[in-house]
């Protein structure tokens, strides 16, 4: 499976944007035309899920109705409309020796995608890989196996006949589904260094940690999986809220003259202004909010240390350097 994907990835990398978009549009049409067979396959998964006492939330994510199939097809067309970054020149320069260097965006090759039992995610993974010129090997949750097999049959049917594209090539192995329910198969996928170029796990923290520990292939982590990451997002959101508030601060017409540089005078002036602000109701709010955001900034310094350890595997000395960069950013932002 991986060898076939590696072979076809080299052909797929040569596809033009127009050719890839034509394939995606044909996939969208084929999914809509075969909605009934997909819905029937999904009904078998739903029945098995109810029998296995899956939670209502899991069953809802598993469900593919006719309306949802239409939305899935529209999403595929949306991917076709996205900008194609393959071939884009990021940077170019000429060396003193006369050698001309360019950094160009290219496909990764073969992507191993591990995701939960959500049929729409299977389609997303397939079409996004194709759009970016990559072959994909997809391992989805077993609860959606019947639905995924039906979806994959339709997608591979389109890829098998790409006579409408230029260059013409058989791409049926560009997207493949691991149908085995055996957990050992996943471990084997994670060992295929040299055939699979990158692994992308999409799921909970347990799945991502398992992939990270077992994989011999570079792993791209997705989602918010640690307390440190969530804390960074919350603090970042607080700063964005503060920025929005700043847009509505009225201009009072006060002339801000440069202050004297004498430290004693500056301390006296600061103390005087502080007393005036605390006696004013709006001033109290301003000081309280300012204190809150500076407190968030100080907290951010400690969060960065933990995040750098968890997400970037940095030791304390390197994490401290990153913390210093963040401190400069906080000061500039303030």
Protein backbone atom coordinates (compact mmCIF):
# COMPACT_ATOMS: atom_id res chain seq x y z
CA UNK A 1 0.00 0.00 0.00
CA UNK A 2 2.70 2.50 1.00
CA UNK A 3 4.88 1.56 -1.96
CA UNK A 4 2.00 2.18 -4.37
CA UNK A 5 1.28 5.50 -2.69
CA UNK A 6 4.93 6.52 -2.98
CA UNK A 7 4.97 5.71 -6.70
CA UNK A 8 1.79 7.62 -7.49
CA UNK A 9 2.83 10.62 -5.35
CA UNK A 10 5.61 11.35 -7.84
CA UNK A 11 3.08 11.56 -10.67
CA UNK A 12 0.60 13.56 -8.63
CA UNK A 13 3.27 16.15 -7.77
CA UNK A 14 3.45 17.05 -11.48
CA UNK A 15 -0.26 17.79 -11.77
CA UNK A 16 -1.22 21.35 -12.61
CA UNK A 17 -3.66 23.33 -10.48
CA UNK A 18 -6.27 23.01 -13.24
CA UNK A 19 -5.87 19.22 -13.35
CA UNK A 20 -6.19 18.83 -9.57
CA UNK A 21 -9.24 21.09 -9.46
CA UNK A 22 -10.86 19.10 -12.25
CA UNK A 23 -10.37 15.90 -10.24
CA UNK A 24 -11.85 17.48 -7.11
CA UNK A 25 -14.92 18.77 -8.96
CA UNK A 26 -15.48 15.33 -10.46
CA UNK A 27 -15.20 13.78 -6.97
CA UNK A 28 -17.80 16.25 -5.65
CA UNK A 29 -20.19 15.34 -8.47
CA UNK A 30 -19.64 11.61 -7.94
CA UNK A 31 -20.33 11.90 -4.20
CA UNK A 32 -23.66 13.63 -4.86
CA UNK A 33 -24.61 11.14 -7.56
CA UNK A 34 -23.95 8.23 -5.20
CA UNK A 35 -25.55 9.73 -2.10
CA UNK A 36 -28.05 6.88 -1.70
CA UNK A 37 -25.41 4.14 -1.57
CA UNK A 38 -23.36 6.18 0.92
CA UNK A 39 -26.38 6.81 3.16
CA UNK A 40 -27.21 3.08 3.14
CA UNK A 41 -23.65 2.19 4.15
CA UNK A 42 -23.80 4.83 6.87
CA UNK A 43 -27.06 3.35 8.17
CA UNK A 44 -25.20 0.07 8.85
CA UNK A 45 -22.56 1.95 10.84
CA UNK A 46 -25.24 3.84 12.77
CA UNK A 47 -27.07 0.62 13.61
CA UNK A 48 -23.84 -0.99 14.83
CA UNK A 49 -23.00 2.15 16.80
CA UNK A 50 -26.35 2.10 18.60
CA UNK A 51 -25.86 -1.60 19.33
CA UNK A 52 -22.40 -0.83 20.76
CA UNK A 53 -23.91 1.93 22.94
CA UNK A 54 -21.96 4.79 21.40
CA UNK A 55 -22.76 8.16 22.96
CA UNK A 56 -25.23 10.51 21.23
CA UNK A 57 -22.40 12.93 20.39
CA UNK A 58 -20.35 10.19 18.71
CA UNK A 59 -23.41 8.98 16.78
CA UNK A 60 -24.13 12.50 15.61
CA UNK A 61 -20.56 12.87 14.28
CA UNK A 62 -20.91 9.48 12.59
CA UNK A 63 -24.18 10.31 10.83
CA UNK A 64 -24.21 11.13 7.11
CA UNK A 65 -27.66 12.23 5.99
CA UNK A 66 -28.58 13.37 2.47
CA UNK A 67 -28.31 16.98 3.61
CA UNK A 68 -24.87 16.37 5.10
CA UNK A 69 -23.74 14.61 1.92
CA UNK A 70 -24.69 17.70 -0.05
CA UNK A 71 -22.65 19.80 2.37
CA UNK A 72 -19.69 17.41 2.01
CA UNK A 73 -19.82 17.72 -1.78
CA UNK A 74 -19.94 21.52 -1.49
CA UNK A 75 -16.92 21.43 0.81
CA UNK A 76 -15.01 19.49 -1.85
CA UNK A 77 -15.89 22.16 -4.40
CA UNK A 78 -14.74 24.74 -1.87
CA UNK A 79 -11.34 23.03 -1.68
CA UNK A 80 -11.13 23.19 -5.47
CA UNK A 81 -11.57 26.96 -5.23
CA UNK A 82 -8.75 27.36 -2.72
CA UNK A 83 -5.44 28.84 -3.82
CA UNK A 84 -2.84 26.25 -4.84
CA UNK A 85 0.46 27.00 -3.09
CA UNK A 86 2.44 24.24 -4.82
CA UNK A 87 5.19 25.81 -6.92
CA UNK A 88 5.04 29.16 -5.14
CA UNK A 89 8.47 30.78 -4.75
CA UNK A 90 8.91 31.78 -1.09
CA UNK A 91 12.37 33.32 -1.39
CA UNK A 92 15.02 33.77 -4.06
CA UNK A 93 18.52 35.24 -4.01
CA UNK A 94 21.77 35.18 -5.92
CA UNK A 95 24.96 34.13 -4.13
CA UNK A 96 28.29 35.97 -4.64
CA UNK A 97 29.40 32.95 -6.68
CA UNK A 98 26.61 33.63 -9.17
CA UNK A 99 24.54 30.63 -8.02
CA UNK A 100 20.84 31.48 -7.94
CA UNK A 101 18.86 29.92 -5.05
CA UNK A 102 15.08 29.63 -4.72
CA UNK A 103 12.88 28.25 -1.96
CA UNK A 104 9.79 26.73 -3.55
CA UNK A 105 6.72 25.13 -1.97
CA UNK A 106 6.49 21.47 -3.01
CA UNK A 107 4.27 18.53 -1.98
CA UNK A 108 5.38 16.44 1.00
CA UNK A 109 4.88 13.12 -0.80
CA UNK A 110 2.86 10.53 1.14
CA UNK A 111 0.85 11.63 4.18
CA UNK A 112 -0.41 9.17 6.77
CA UNK A 113 -3.61 10.57 8.27
CA UNK A 114 -5.08 9.07 11.44
CA UNK A 115 -8.51 10.37 12.42
CA UNK A 116 -11.61 9.56 14.43
CA UNK A 117 -14.76 7.93 13.06
CA UNK A 118 -16.11 10.96 11.19
CA UNK A 119 -16.86 10.23 7.50
CA UNK A 120 -16.69 13.91 6.49
CA UNK A 121 -13.14 14.06 7.90
CA UNK A 122 -12.18 11.12 5.67
CA UNK A 123 -13.32 13.08 2.63
CA UNK A 124 -11.60 16.25 3.87
CA UNK A 125 -8.33 14.36 4.36
CA UNK A 126 -8.52 12.86 0.88
CA UNK A 127 -9.32 16.03 -1.06
CA UNK A 128 -6.94 18.31 0.87
CA UNK A 129 -4.14 15.84 0.20
CA UNK A 130 -4.98 15.80 -3.51
CA UNK A 131 -5.21 19.58 -3.67
CA UNK A 132 -1.73 19.90 -2.17
CA UNK A 133 -0.29 17.30 -4.55
CA UNK A 134 0.15 14.58 -1.92
CA UNK A 135 -0.88 10.94 -1.75
CA UNK A 136 -2.71 9.91 1.42
CA UNK A 137 -3.03 6.75 3.49
CA UNK A 138 -5.99 7.19 5.83
CA UNK A 139 -6.67 5.23 9.04
CA UNK A 140 -10.09 6.18 10.39
CA UNK A 141 -12.06 4.98 13.39
CA UNK A 142 -13.57 1.52 12.87
CA UNK A 143 -17.06 2.75 13.80
CA UNK A 144 -17.29 4.44 10.37
CA UNK A 145 -15.73 1.60 8.34
CA UNK A 146 -18.74 0.85 6.10
CA UNK A 147 -19.28 4.51 5.31
CA UNK A 148 -15.59 5.13 4.65
CA UNK A 149 -15.36 2.13 2.33
CA UNK A 150 -18.31 3.47 0.32
CA UNK A 151 -16.78 6.96 0.16
CA UNK A 152 -13.36 5.59 -0.81
CA UNK A 153 -14.84 3.41 -3.57
CA UNK A 154 -16.34 6.50 -5.19
CA UNK A 155 -13.21 8.63 -4.79
CA UNK A 156 -10.94 5.90 -6.16
CA UNK A 157 -13.35 5.38 -9.05
CA UNK A 158 -12.79 8.97 -10.11
CA UNK A 159 -9.03 8.73 -9.61
CA UNK A 160 -8.82 5.55 -11.68
CA UNK A 161 -9.89 7.40 -14.80
CA UNK A 162 -8.25 10.81 -15.06
CA UNK A 163 -8.18 10.88 -18.85
CA UNK A 164 -9.77 14.33 -18.60
CA UNK A 165 -6.63 15.77 -16.98
CA UNK A 166 -3.25 16.83 -18.22
CA UNK A 167 -0.98 14.96 -17.66
CA UNK A 168 -3.12 11.84 -17.93
CA UNK A 169 -2.37 9.33 -15.17
CA UNK A 170 -4.02 6.58 -13.16
CA UNK A 171 -4.26 7.88 -9.60
CA UNK A 172 -6.36 5.22 -7.86
CA UNK A 173 -3.58 4.67 -5.31
CA UNK A 174 -3.29 8.40 -4.50
CA UNK A 175 -5.83 7.94 -1.70
CA UNK A 176 -6.02 4.67 0.21
CA UNK A 177 -7.99 3.55 3.25
CA UNK A 178 -6.66 1.14 5.88
CA UNK A 179 -9.66 -1.10 6.48
CA UNK A 180 -8.12 -3.29 9.18
CA UNK A 181 -9.53 -2.85 12.67
CA UNK A 182 -6.32 -4.29 14.13
CA UNK A 183 -4.37 -1.82 16.25
CA UNK A 184 -1.17 -3.52 15.14
CA UNK A 185 -1.75 -2.21 11.60
CA UNK A 186 -1.53 1.35 12.88
CA UNK A 187 1.80 0.56 14.54
CA UNK A 188 3.08 -0.84 11.24
CA UNK A 189 2.06 2.36 9.44
CA UNK A 190 4.04 4.42 11.94
CA UNK A 191 7.20 2.43 11.17
CA UNK A 192 7.21 3.06 7.39
CA UNK A 193 10.00 5.61 7.37
CA UNK A 194 11.11 6.23 3.80
CA UNK A 195 7.72 5.36 2.31
CA UNK A 196 5.46 7.63 4.35
CA UNK A 197 6.82 11.17 4.67
CA UNK A 198 4.72 12.60 7.48
CA UNK A 199 2.00 11.49 9.92
CA UNK A 200 -0.93 13.72 10.88
CA UNK A 201 -3.00 12.45 13.83
CA UNK A 202 -6.39 14.10 14.31
CA UNK A 203 -8.00 13.14 17.58
CA UNK A 204 -7.67 13.25 21.34
CA UNK A 205 -4.58 13.65 23.44
CA UNK A 206 -4.23 9.89 23.94
CA UNK A 207 -4.07 9.22 20.19
CA UNK A 208 -1.56 11.99 19.59
CA UNK A 209 0.71 10.83 22.43
CA UNK A 210 0.54 7.24 21.12
CA UNK A 211 1.51 8.36 17.62
CA UNK A 212 4.29 10.58 18.93
CA UNK A 213 5.79 7.73 20.99
CA UNK A 214 5.52 4.98 18.35
CA UNK A 215 6.22 6.83 15.10
CA UNK A 216 9.55 6.70 13.27
CA UNK A 217 8.07 9.28 10.87
CA UNK A 218 7.85 13.04 11.51
CA UNK A 219 4.52 13.92 13.16
CA UNK A 220 2.47 17.07 12.63
CA UNK A 221 0.26 17.56 15.67
CA UNK A 222 -3.12 19.24 15.33
CA UNK A 223 -5.61 20.74 17.74
CA UNK A 224 -5.32 21.89 21.35
CA UNK A 225 -4.07 18.94 23.33
CA UNK A 226 -2.39 20.36 26.44
CA UNK A 227 -3.35 22.71 29.27
CA UNK A 228 -0.45 24.97 28.27
CA UNK A 229 -1.78 25.36 24.71
CA UNK A 230 -5.28 26.16 25.95
CA UNK A 231 -3.88 28.71 28.40
CA UNK A 232 -1.93 30.41 25.62
CA UNK A 233 -5.13 30.68 23.57
CA UNK A 234 -7.09 32.15 26.49
CA UNK A 235 -4.41 34.73 27.27
CA UNK A 236 -4.13 35.62 23.59
CA UNK A 237 -7.90 36.09 23.45
CA UNK A 238 -7.71 38.44 26.46
CA UNK A 239 -5.17 40.60 24.67
CA UNK A 240 -7.37 40.72 21.56
CA UNK A 241 -10.31 41.85 23.69
CA UNK A 242 -8.11 44.56 25.19
CA UNK A 243 -7.12 45.70 21.71
CA UNK A 244 -10.80 45.99 20.74
CA UNK A 245 -11.51 48.05 23.86
CA UNK A 246 -8.65 50.38 22.97
CA UNK A 247 -10.36 51.22 19.68
CA UNK A 248 -13.23 52.82 21.62
CA UNK A 249 -11.15 55.03 23.95
CA UNK A 250 -12.37 58.61 23.25
CA UNK A 251 -10.01 61.46 22.46
CA UNK A 252 -10.41 63.88 25.40
CA UNK A 253 -8.30 66.59 23.79
CA UNK A 254 -5.69 66.45 26.56
CA UNK A 255 -2.30 67.76 25.44
CA UNK A 256 0.31 65.19 26.49
CA UNK A 257 3.43 67.27 27.04
CA UNK A 258 6.81 65.56 27.51
CA UNK A 259 7.60 65.00 31.20
CA UNK A 260 10.80 65.97 32.96
CA UNK A 261 13.39 63.21 33.18
CA UNK A 262 14.13 63.73 36.86
CA UNK A 263 13.35 60.39 38.62
CA UNK A 264 12.14 62.13 41.79
CA UNK A 265 9.75 64.31 39.78
CA UNK A 266 8.53 61.30 37.74
CA UNK A 267 7.82 59.30 40.89
CA UNK A 268 5.91 62.23 42.43
CA UNK A 269 3.92 62.73 39.21
CA UNK A 270 3.15 59.01 38.97
CA UNK A 271 1.91 58.94 42.60
CA UNK A 272 -0.24 62.03 41.98
CA UNK A 273 -1.85 60.56 38.83
CA UNK A 274 -2.43 57.23 40.57
CA UNK A 275 -4.39 58.90 43.40
CA UNK A 276 -6.48 60.88 40.90
CA UNK A 277 -7.33 57.75 38.92
CA UNK A 278 -8.32 55.70 41.97
CA UNK A 279 -10.69 58.48 43.08
CA UNK A 280 -12.43 58.42 39.68
CA UNK A 281 -14.89 55.61 38.87
CA UNK A 282 -13.78 55.24 35.23
CA UNK A 283 -10.19 55.57 36.35
CA UNK A 284 -10.67 52.64 38.73
CA UNK A 285 -11.93 50.50 35.84
CA UNK A 286 -8.96 51.54 33.68
CA UNK A 287 -6.46 50.66 36.40
CA UNK A 288 -8.16 47.39 37.22
CA UNK A 289 -8.22 46.28 33.57
CA UNK A 290 -4.61 47.39 33.06
CA UNK A 291 -3.58 45.41 36.13
CA UNK A 292 -5.46 42.39 34.81
CA UNK A 293 -3.71 42.45 31.46
CA UNK A 294 -0.26 43.00 32.95
CA UNK A 295 -1.04 40.07 35.25
CA UNK A 296 -1.98 37.99 32.21
CA UNK A 297 1.31 39.00 30.61
CA UNK A 298 3.26 37.92 33.68
CA UNK A 299 1.37 34.62 33.78
CA UNK A 300 2.14 34.13 30.11
CA UNK A 301 5.86 34.13 30.94
CA UNK A 302 5.48 31.01 33.09
CA UNK A 303 3.07 29.34 30.66
CA UNK A 304 5.62 29.73 27.85
CA UNK A 305 8.14 27.71 29.87
CA UNK A 306 5.72 24.81 30.24
CA UNK A 307 4.49 25.04 26.63
CA UNK A 308 8.07 25.04 25.29
CA UNK A 309 8.78 21.87 27.25
CA UNK A 310 5.62 20.04 26.16
CA UNK A 311 5.24 21.20 22.55
CA UNK A 312 8.84 21.88 21.49
CA UNK A 313 10.86 19.59 23.80
CA UNK A 314 13.09 22.52 24.83
CA UNK A 315 15.18 22.38 27.99
CA UNK A 316 14.94 25.16 30.59
CA UNK A 317 17.76 27.29 29.18
CA UNK A 318 16.32 27.35 25.62
CA UNK A 319 12.79 27.83 26.93
CA UNK A 320 14.05 30.83 28.94
CA UNK A 321 15.34 32.41 25.72
CA UNK A 322 11.90 31.98 24.19
CA UNK A 323 10.41 33.46 27.36
CA UNK A 324 12.62 36.53 26.87
CA UNK A 325 11.32 37.00 23.33
CA UNK A 326 7.75 36.79 24.62
CA UNK A 327 8.56 39.38 27.32
CA UNK A 328 9.75 41.81 24.65
CA UNK A 329 6.56 41.17 22.71
CA UNK A 330 4.40 41.83 25.78
CA UNK A 331 6.25 45.11 26.43
CA UNK A 332 5.89 46.24 22.80
CA UNK A 333 2.22 45.29 22.83
CA UNK A 334 1.62 47.22 26.02
